[in-house]
Structure formats: structure tokens, C-alpha cells
Amino acid sequence: VDPFVCDILRCSLNRKKSI
């Protein structure tokens, strides 16, 4: 798994959780 993809997914999850 690419770290970049993981970063994007994590960012998305974090954003959704934050909001």
C-alpha cells in the first residue's frame, strides 16, 4: 500500500470525524 494513498484516506477519515 502506498503511504500517499494511506495519507489521503487518513486525512479524509480525520476530516469526516472532525466535522
N, C-alpha and C. Protein backbone atom coordinates (compact mmCIF):
# COMPACT_ATOMS: atom_id res chain seq x y z
N VAL A 1 0.86 -1.21 0.00
CA VAL A 1 0.00 0.00 0.00
C VAL A 1 0.88 1.24 0.00
N ASP A 2 0.51 2.18 -0.85
CA ASP A 2 1.32 3.41 -0.91
C ASP A 2 1.04 4.31 0.28
N PRO A 3 2.07 4.90 0.85
CA PRO A 3 1.90 5.80 2.01
C PRO A 3 1.05 7.00 1.64
N PHE A 4 1.19 7.44 0.40
CA PHE A 4 0.43 8.61 -0.06
C PHE A 4 -1.07 8.32 0.01
N VAL A 5 -1.44 7.16 -0.51
CA VAL A 5 -2.86 6.78 -0.51
C VAL A 5 -3.36 6.69 0.92
N CYS A 6 -2.57 6.08 1.78
CA CYS A 6 -2.96 5.93 3.19
C CYS A 6 -3.16 7.32 3.80
N ASP A 7 -2.25 8.22 3.46
CA ASP A 7 -2.33 9.58 3.99
C ASP A 7 -3.65 10.22 3.57
N ILE A 8 -4.00 10.09 2.31
CA ILE A 8 -5.25 10.69 1.80
C ILE A 8 -6.43 10.07 2.53
N LEU A 9 -6.43 8.76 2.64
CA LEU A 9 -7.55 8.07 3.31
C LEU A 9 -7.64 8.53 4.76
N ARG A 10 -6.49 8.62 5.40
CA ARG A 10 -6.47 9.03 6.82
C ARG A 10 -6.99 10.46 6.93
N CYS A 11 -6.52 11.30 6.04
CA CYS A 11 -6.95 12.70 6.05
C CYS A 11 -8.48 12.77 5.87
N SER A 12 -8.97 12.01 4.94
CA SER A 12 -10.42 12.00 4.68
C SER A 12 -11.18 11.56 5.94
N LEU A 13 -10.72 10.48 6.55
CA LEU A 13 -11.38 9.95 7.76
C LEU A 13 -11.31 10.98 8.88
N ASN A 14 -10.15 11.57 9.03
CA ASN A 14 -9.97 12.57 10.09
C ASN A 14 -10.90 13.76 9.85
N ARG A 15 -10.99 14.18 8.63
CA ARG A 15 -11.85 15.33 8.30
C ARG A 15 -13.30 14.97 8.59
N LYS A 16 -13.71 13.82 8.15
CA LYS A 16 -15.11 13.39 8.37
C LYS A 16 -15.39 13.27 9.87
N LYS A 17 -14.44 12.74 10.60
CA LYS A 17 -14.62 12.58 12.05
C LYS A 17 -14.66 13.95 12.72
N SER A 18 -13.79 14.84 12.25
CA SER A 18 -13.71 16.18 12.84
C SER A 18 -15.04 16.92 12.63
N ILE A 19 -15.53 16.84 11.42
CA ILE A 19 -16.78 17.56 11.10
C ILE A 19 -17.97 16.83 11.70
